[in-house]
Amino acid sequence: MEECAHAGCLMELCIQLCITMLGKQLIQNNLFEIGIPKLKKLLRKRKSDLDSKQEEELNKTMQRHEKDHFLGPFVGLSPEYMEMIIQFGMVTLFVASFPLAPLFALLNNIIEIRLDAKKFVMELRRPIAAKAKDIGIWYNLLRGLSKVAVIVNAFVISFTSDFIPRLVYQYTYSPDGTMHGFINHTLSYFNVSDFQPDTDPLEPMHLGYPVDMCRYKDYREPPWSNTPYELSKEFWAILAARLAFVIVFQNVVMLMSDFVDWLIPDIPKDISLQIHKEKILMVELFMKEEQGKRLAARDKDSQDNYTSPSSANESPPQPRSRPISHANCC
């Protein structure tokens, strides 16, 4: 794998992000936001059989909803959300290598707000309104990206820069506690006689004098040690310091984010109190309705009891029998 330049990997990553944020986000996407709706509108006019005068007369007689029917169809907010998610990911994941990324993202969003407003008002049909509690799955994506961004930035700072090696040298290997001799500490020795066959330089005298020992940037044992060209203890010390920095950085940022989340809640306190009061009022209203239904049922039962016979065992009255008169027989 090709190594980074002498300036470090952060510089190459910074250049790539600068090209992406300026070229793609700020210029290309905004040009597409303007150009594609204009082209679609032009194609619809070309396909129409009406000339300009007939179209103007027709627009005067048509209602607003009829005019909206000739606009482009509304395809949803998924492309807009996806664009913001990609921008948020680039800004948060690699902000350590390109600190100006949030500024360019802000400029892009300021321009895109006006372009999207014009697109939704002038170029697209009116969307059907629908209730939504929040932004749905996109919130989980943003939250997941913010968690991953902490880990990625920790690895970017520790492994693609000289921040950790400088600290390790200054507080561990420097004789006077300064950065004097840091470059020499990062270079290892190589004996030119250890070149493999057919890999040695073609012109060994190109410097004007023979070279017996050369230096290269790495932490390896010198050729006169017992384990030549093996990874040195300085390499493992710096690797341990880098991993420790990743763990400390991740936990500190997570604690700070949780503290800020607790300090500034998503819902203000007065609004949460109003929501709580509304819930209490709704519960009281439901309880009153239930009590009213129970009282109405009791009143109905009592009325039924009053209209029913007083005794269920009381027999109905028997009809009276007429007395039979016997005529005297002569």
Protein backbone atom coordinates (compact mmCIF):
# COMPACT_ATOMS: atom_id res chain seq x y z
CA MET A 1 0.00 0.00 0.00
CA GLU A 2 1.29 3.45 -0.88
CA GLU A 3 2.31 5.49 2.12
CA CYS A 4 1.24 9.03 2.86
CA ALA A 5 3.28 12.06 1.89
CA HIS A 6 5.83 13.68 4.20
CA ALA A 7 3.19 16.16 5.37
CA GLY A 8 1.12 13.26 6.72
CA CYS A 9 -2.14 11.58 5.82
CA LEU A 10 -4.17 14.42 7.30
CA MET A 11 -3.12 16.75 4.49
CA GLU A 12 -4.26 14.33 1.77
CA LEU A 13 -7.56 13.76 3.57
CA CYS A 14 -7.97 17.52 3.96
CA ILE A 15 -7.50 18.05 0.21
CA GLN A 16 -10.04 15.34 -0.63
CA LEU A 17 -12.62 16.79 1.75
CA CYS A 18 -12.02 20.29 0.42
CA ILE A 19 -12.69 19.08 -3.13
CA THR A 20 -15.80 17.20 -1.98
CA MET A 21 -17.29 20.03 0.08
CA LEU A 22 -16.53 22.79 -2.43
CA GLY A 23 -16.88 20.95 -5.71
CA LYS A 24 -19.66 18.47 -5.05
CA GLN A 25 -21.72 19.89 -2.20
CA LEU A 26 -21.48 23.63 -2.80
CA ILE A 27 -21.33 23.76 -6.62
CA GLN A 28 -22.48 20.51 -8.23
CA ASN A 29 -25.50 19.80 -6.01
CA ASN A 30 -26.75 23.39 -6.13
CA LEU A 31 -26.39 23.51 -9.90
CA PHE A 32 -28.41 20.32 -10.13
CA GLU A 33 -31.02 21.83 -7.80
CA ILE A 34 -31.45 24.70 -10.27
CA GLY A 35 -30.82 22.99 -13.59
CA ILE A 36 -32.77 19.72 -13.37
CA PRO A 37 -36.18 21.32 -12.52
CA LYS A 38 -35.64 23.89 -15.28
CA LEU A 39 -34.89 21.16 -17.82
CA LYS A 40 -37.95 19.15 -16.80
CA LYS A 41 -40.15 22.22 -17.10
CA LEU A 42 -38.70 22.98 -20.53
CA LEU A 43 -39.36 19.42 -21.70
CA ARG A 44 -42.96 19.61 -20.51
CA LYS A 45 -43.44 22.82 -22.48
CA ARG A 46 -41.94 21.21 -25.58
CA LYS A 47 -44.33 18.27 -25.31
CA SER A 48 -47.33 20.57 -24.89
CA ASP A 49 -49.33 21.36 -28.04
CA LEU A 50 -50.23 24.89 -26.89
CA ASP A 51 -48.31 27.97 -27.92
CA SER A 52 -47.32 30.75 -25.52
CA LYS A 53 -50.46 32.89 -26.05
CA GLN A 54 -52.83 29.98 -25.59
CA GLU A 55 -50.93 28.92 -22.50
CA GLU A 56 -51.19 32.41 -20.98
CA GLU A 57 -54.94 32.55 -21.65
CA LEU A 58 -55.36 29.10 -20.17
CA ASN A 59 -53.43 30.08 -17.05
CA LYS A 60 -55.73 33.06 -16.51
CA THR A 61 -58.83 30.89 -16.49
CA MET A 62 -57.40 27.97 -14.47
CA GLN A 63 -57.59 27.61 -10.71
CA ARG A 64 -54.50 27.22 -8.55
CA HIS A 65 -54.92 23.47 -8.05
CA GLU A 66 -55.31 23.05 -11.81
CA LYS A 67 -52.06 24.92 -12.43
CA ASP A 68 -50.27 22.76 -9.87
CA HIS A 69 -51.25 19.67 -11.83
CA PHE A 70 -48.88 20.71 -14.63
CA LEU A 71 -45.92 20.98 -12.23
CA GLY A 72 -43.48 18.19 -11.52
CA PRO A 73 -44.59 15.36 -9.22
CA PHE A 74 -43.54 15.40 -5.58
CA VAL A 75 -41.31 12.35 -5.01
CA GLY A 76 -40.95 12.69 -1.24
CA LEU A 77 -38.33 13.97 1.17
CA SER A 78 -36.03 10.95 1.08
CA PRO A 79 -33.53 12.55 -1.39
CA GLU A 80 -33.36 15.70 0.75
CA TYR A 81 -32.81 13.69 3.92
CA MET A 82 -30.18 11.54 2.20
CA GLU A 83 -28.26 14.61 1.05
CA MET A 84 -28.22 16.01 4.58
CA ILE A 85 -27.17 12.67 6.06
CA ILE A 86 -24.21 12.43 3.64
CA GLN A 87 -23.17 15.99 4.43
CA PHE A 88 -23.49 15.41 8.18
CA GLY A 89 -21.39 12.26 7.88
CA MET A 90 -18.57 13.98 5.98
CA VAL A 91 -18.55 16.92 8.39
CA THR A 92 -18.55 14.90 11.60
CA LEU A 93 -16.45 11.89 10.59
CA PHE A 94 -13.46 13.85 9.27
CA VAL A 95 -13.72 17.24 10.96
CA ALA A 96 -10.35 16.63 12.65
CA SER A 97 -8.59 16.63 9.27
CA PHE A 98 -10.59 19.49 7.71
CA PRO A 99 -11.82 21.97 10.36
CA LEU A 100 -13.37 24.26 7.72
CA ALA A 101 -15.88 21.57 6.68
CA PRO A 102 -18.65 22.88 9.02
CA LEU A 103 -18.25 26.38 7.55
CA PHE A 104 -18.63 25.14 3.97
CA ALA A 105 -21.59 22.99 5.05
CA LEU A 106 -23.24 26.07 6.59
CA LEU A 107 -22.75 28.08 3.39
CA ASN A 108 -24.12 25.21 1.32
CA ASN A 109 -27.20 24.89 3.54
CA ILE A 110 -27.91 28.64 3.45
CA ILE A 111 -27.91 28.56 -0.35
CA GLU A 112 -29.83 25.29 -0.55
CA ILE A 113 -32.62 26.56 1.73
CA ARG A 114 -33.56 29.21 -0.83
CA LEU A 115 -33.14 26.84 -3.77
CA ASP A 116 -35.34 24.19 -2.13
CA ALA A 117 -37.94 26.83 -1.25
CA LYS A 118 -38.13 27.92 -4.88
CA LYS A 119 -38.22 24.32 -6.06
CA PHE A 120 -41.06 23.29 -3.75
CA VAL A 121 -43.11 26.44 -4.46
CA MET A 122 -42.54 26.98 -8.18
CA GLU A 123 -41.45 23.67 -9.69
CA LEU A 124 -43.19 20.84 -7.78
CA ARG A 125 -46.76 19.98 -6.89
CA ARG A 126 -47.98 20.63 -3.40
CA PRO A 127 -47.36 17.60 -1.18
CA ILE A 128 -50.20 16.10 0.82
CA ALA A 129 -49.87 17.11 4.47
CA ALA A 130 -49.41 14.27 6.93
CA LYS A 131 -48.83 14.20 10.67
CA ALA A 132 -45.43 13.02 11.90
CA LYS A 133 -44.11 12.74 15.43
CA ASP A 134 -40.48 13.22 14.38
CA ILE A 135 -38.18 12.60 11.41
CA GLY A 136 -38.40 8.84 11.92
CA ILE A 137 -35.49 6.53 11.09
CA TRP A 138 -33.34 9.49 10.02
CA TYR A 139 -32.93 10.50 13.67
CA ASN A 140 -31.47 7.08 14.48
CA LEU A 141 -29.08 7.42 11.53
CA LEU A 142 -27.92 10.84 12.73
CA ARG A 143 -27.45 9.56 16.26
CA GLY A 144 -25.50 6.53 15.02
CA LEU A 145 -23.28 8.72 12.83
CA SER A 146 -22.52 11.00 15.78
CA LYS A 147 -21.42 7.99 17.85
CA VAL A 148 -19.25 6.59 15.06
CA ALA A 149 -17.79 10.05 14.37
CA VAL A 150 -16.27 10.18 17.85
CA ILE A 151 -14.40 6.91 17.31
CA VAL A 152 -13.31 7.82 13.77
CA ASN A 153 -11.97 11.22 14.83
CA ALA A 154 -10.09 9.61 17.70
CA PHE A 155 -8.37 7.18 15.31
CA VAL A 156 -7.71 9.96 12.77
CA ILE A 157 -6.01 12.14 15.38
CA SER A 158 -3.99 9.33 16.92
CA PHE A 159 -2.94 7.30 13.86
CA THR A 160 -2.69 9.81 10.98
CA SER A 161 -0.85 12.60 12.78
CA ASP A 162 2.32 13.02 14.83
CA PHE A 163 0.39 14.26 17.85
CA ILE A 164 0.85 11.10 19.94
CA PRO A 165 4.48 10.36 18.85
CA ARG A 166 5.46 13.92 19.76
CA LEU A 167 3.89 13.63 23.21
CA VAL A 168 5.52 10.25 23.81
CA TYR A 169 8.94 11.56 22.78
CA GLN A 170 8.62 14.76 24.80
CA TYR A 171 7.59 13.09 28.06
CA THR A 172 9.43 9.75 27.72
CA TYR A 173 12.51 9.84 25.48
CA SER A 174 13.54 13.51 25.34
CA PRO A 175 16.56 14.20 27.58
CA ASP A 176 15.54 17.81 28.30
CA GLY A 177 11.73 17.61 27.90
CA THR A 178 11.70 19.45 24.55
CA MET A 179 11.12 18.40 20.95
CA HIS A 180 14.81 18.70 20.07
CA GLY A 181 15.89 15.46 18.37
CA PHE A 182 12.37 14.25 17.53
CA ILE A 183 13.08 13.78 13.80
CA ASN A 184 16.19 11.74 14.52
CA HIS A 185 14.16 9.63 16.95
CA THR A 186 11.60 8.74 14.25
CA LEU A 187 14.26 7.53 11.77
CA SER A 188 15.64 4.00 11.73
CA TYR A 189 18.95 2.68 10.34
CA PHE A 190 19.46 0.44 7.32
CA ASN A 191 22.70 -1.10 6.15
CA VAL A 192 22.97 -0.97 2.35
CA SER A 193 24.81 -4.29 2.37
CA ASP A 194 21.55 -5.95 3.49
CA PHE A 195 19.83 -5.29 0.17
CA GLN A 196 18.44 -8.42 -1.43
CA PRO A 197 19.98 -9.48 -4.74
CA ASP A 198 19.02 -7.28 -7.69
CA THR A 199 17.41 -4.68 -5.39
CA ASP A 200 20.43 -2.52 -4.59
CA PRO A 201 20.78 0.93 -6.24
CA LEU A 202 22.10 0.93 -9.80
CA GLU A 203 24.41 3.88 -9.12
CA PRO A 204 25.84 3.59 -5.60
CA MET A 205 28.11 6.61 -6.21
CA HIS A 206 25.40 9.05 -7.30
CA LEU A 207 26.12 11.19 -4.22
CA GLY A 208 29.83 11.31 -5.00
CA TYR A 209 30.80 9.07 -2.10
CA PRO A 210 29.90 5.52 -1.05
CA VAL A 211 26.91 5.15 1.30
CA ASP A 212 27.11 2.45 3.95
CA MET A 213 24.15 3.41 6.15
CA CYS A 214 20.86 5.16 5.31
CA ARG A 215 17.89 6.34 7.38
CA TYR A 216 14.16 5.81 6.87
CA LYS A 217 11.06 6.79 8.82
CA ASP A 218 10.01 3.89 11.01
CA TYR A 219 10.45 2.47 14.49
CA ARG A 220 12.66 -0.60 13.94
CA GLU A 221 15.76 -2.10 15.48
CA PRO A 222 19.12 -1.11 13.95
CA PRO A 223 21.14 -3.66 11.93
CA TRP A 224 23.70 -4.12 14.76
CA SER A 225 21.08 -5.30 17.28
CA ASN A 226 20.25 -8.92 18.09
CA THR A 227 16.94 -8.65 16.16
CA PRO A 228 17.74 -6.37 13.23
CA TYR A 229 14.89 -4.59 11.47
CA GLU A 230 12.28 -5.86 13.91
CA LEU A 231 9.73 -3.50 15.45
CA SER A 232 11.33 -1.66 18.33
CA LYS A 233 9.95 -1.07 21.80
CA GLU A 234 9.34 2.58 20.87
CA PHE A 235 6.84 1.40 18.24
CA TRP A 236 4.86 -0.61 20.78
CA ALA A 237 4.98 2.23 23.31
CA ILE A 238 3.59 4.68 20.75
CA LEU A 239 0.94 2.15 19.65
CA ALA A 240 -0.18 1.68 23.26
CA ALA A 241 -0.32 5.47 23.72
CA ARG A 242 -2.41 5.82 20.56
CA LEU A 243 -4.91 3.19 21.68
CA ALA A 244 -5.08 4.75 25.14
CA PHE A 245 -5.77 8.14 23.55
CA VAL A 246 -8.62 6.61 21.50
CA ILE A 247 -10.24 5.15 24.62
CA VAL A 248 -9.83 8.33 26.69
CA PHE A 249 -10.99 10.60 23.87
CA GLN A 250 -14.06 8.46 23.19
CA ASN A 251 -15.17 8.32 26.84
CA VAL A 252 -14.55 12.03 27.46
CA VAL A 253 -16.54 13.08 24.40
CA MET A 254 -19.36 10.66 25.21
CA LEU A 255 -19.58 12.00 28.77
CA MET A 256 -19.59 15.58 27.51
CA SER A 257 -22.31 14.82 24.97
CA ASP A 258 -24.46 13.12 27.62
CA PHE A 259 -23.94 16.08 29.95
CA VAL A 260 -24.95 18.57 27.26
CA ASP A 261 -27.94 16.37 26.38
CA TRP A 262 -29.00 16.43 30.03
CA LEU A 263 -28.33 20.17 30.34
CA ILE A 264 -30.25 21.10 27.18
CA PRO A 265 -33.22 18.70 26.82
CA ASP A 266 -34.95 18.09 23.52
CA ILE A 267 -38.25 19.41 24.92
CA PRO A 268 -38.16 22.64 26.99
CA LYS A 269 -39.27 22.40 30.58
CA ASP A 270 -42.37 24.59 30.20
CA ILE A 271 -43.57 22.59 27.20
CA SER A 272 -43.00 19.29 29.03
CA LEU A 273 -45.04 20.65 31.97
CA GLN A 274 -47.86 21.61 29.61
CA ILE A 275 -47.79 18.14 28.05
CA HIS A 276 -47.92 16.60 31.54
CA LYS A 277 -50.89 18.81 32.49
CA GLU A 278 -52.70 17.86 29.29
CA LYS A 279 -52.21 14.19 30.09
CA ILE A 280 -53.60 14.72 33.61
CA LEU A 281 -56.63 16.58 32.22
CA MET A 282 -57.24 13.81 29.69
CA VAL A 283 -57.11 11.18 32.45
CA GLU A 284 -59.52 13.20 34.59
CA LEU A 285 -61.87 13.62 31.63
CA PHE A 286 -61.86 9.88 30.97
CA MET A 287 -62.51 9.18 34.65
CA LYS A 288 -65.47 11.58 34.68
CA GLU A 289 -66.89 9.94 31.57
CA GLU A 290 -66.57 6.51 33.17
CA GLN A 291 -68.22 7.73 36.37
CA GLY A 292 -71.03 9.31 34.35
CA LYS A 293 -71.62 6.05 32.50
CA ARG A 294 -71.72 4.11 35.77
CA LEU A 295 -74.19 6.57 37.34
CA ALA A 296 -76.41 6.43 34.25
CA ALA A 297 -76.37 2.64 34.38
CA ARG A 298 -77.31 2.69 38.09
CA ASP A 299 -80.20 5.12 37.48
CA LYS A 300 -81.50 2.93 34.69
CA ASP A 301 -81.37 -0.16 36.91
CA SER A 302 -83.21 1.64 39.73
CA GLN A 303 -85.97 2.79 37.36
CA ASP A 304 -86.39 -0.76 36.10
CA ASN A 305 -86.74 -1.97 39.69
CA TYR A 306 -89.47 0.60 40.44
CA THR A 307 -91.57 -0.42 37.43
CA SER A 308 -91.30 -4.19 38.11
CA PRO A 309 -93.83 -6.09 40.45
CA SER A 310 -93.22 -5.71 44.16
CA SER A 311 -93.14 -9.40 44.76
CA ALA A 312 -92.23 -12.06 42.31
CA ASN A 313 -94.16 -14.79 44.29
CA GLU A 314 -97.49 -12.91 44.26
CA SER A 315 -100.07 -14.90 42.27
CA PRO A 316 -102.31 -13.11 39.81
CA PRO A 317 -105.96 -12.50 40.94
CA GLN A 318 -108.41 -15.35 40.22
CA PRO A 319 -111.70 -14.60 38.41
CA ARG A 320 -114.87 -14.79 40.57
CA SER A 321 -117.23 -17.74 39.97
CA ARG A 322 -120.93 -17.06 39.62
CA PRO A 323 -123.31 -18.86 42.08
CA ILE A 324 -125.36 -21.58 40.46
CA SER A 325 -129.08 -21.27 41.17
CA HIS A 326 -131.10 -24.49 41.15
CA ALA A 327 -134.72 -24.24 40.08
CA ASN A 328 -137.32 -25.99 42.28
CA CYS A 329 -138.83 -28.89 40.50
CA CYS A 330 -142.47 -29.25 40.87
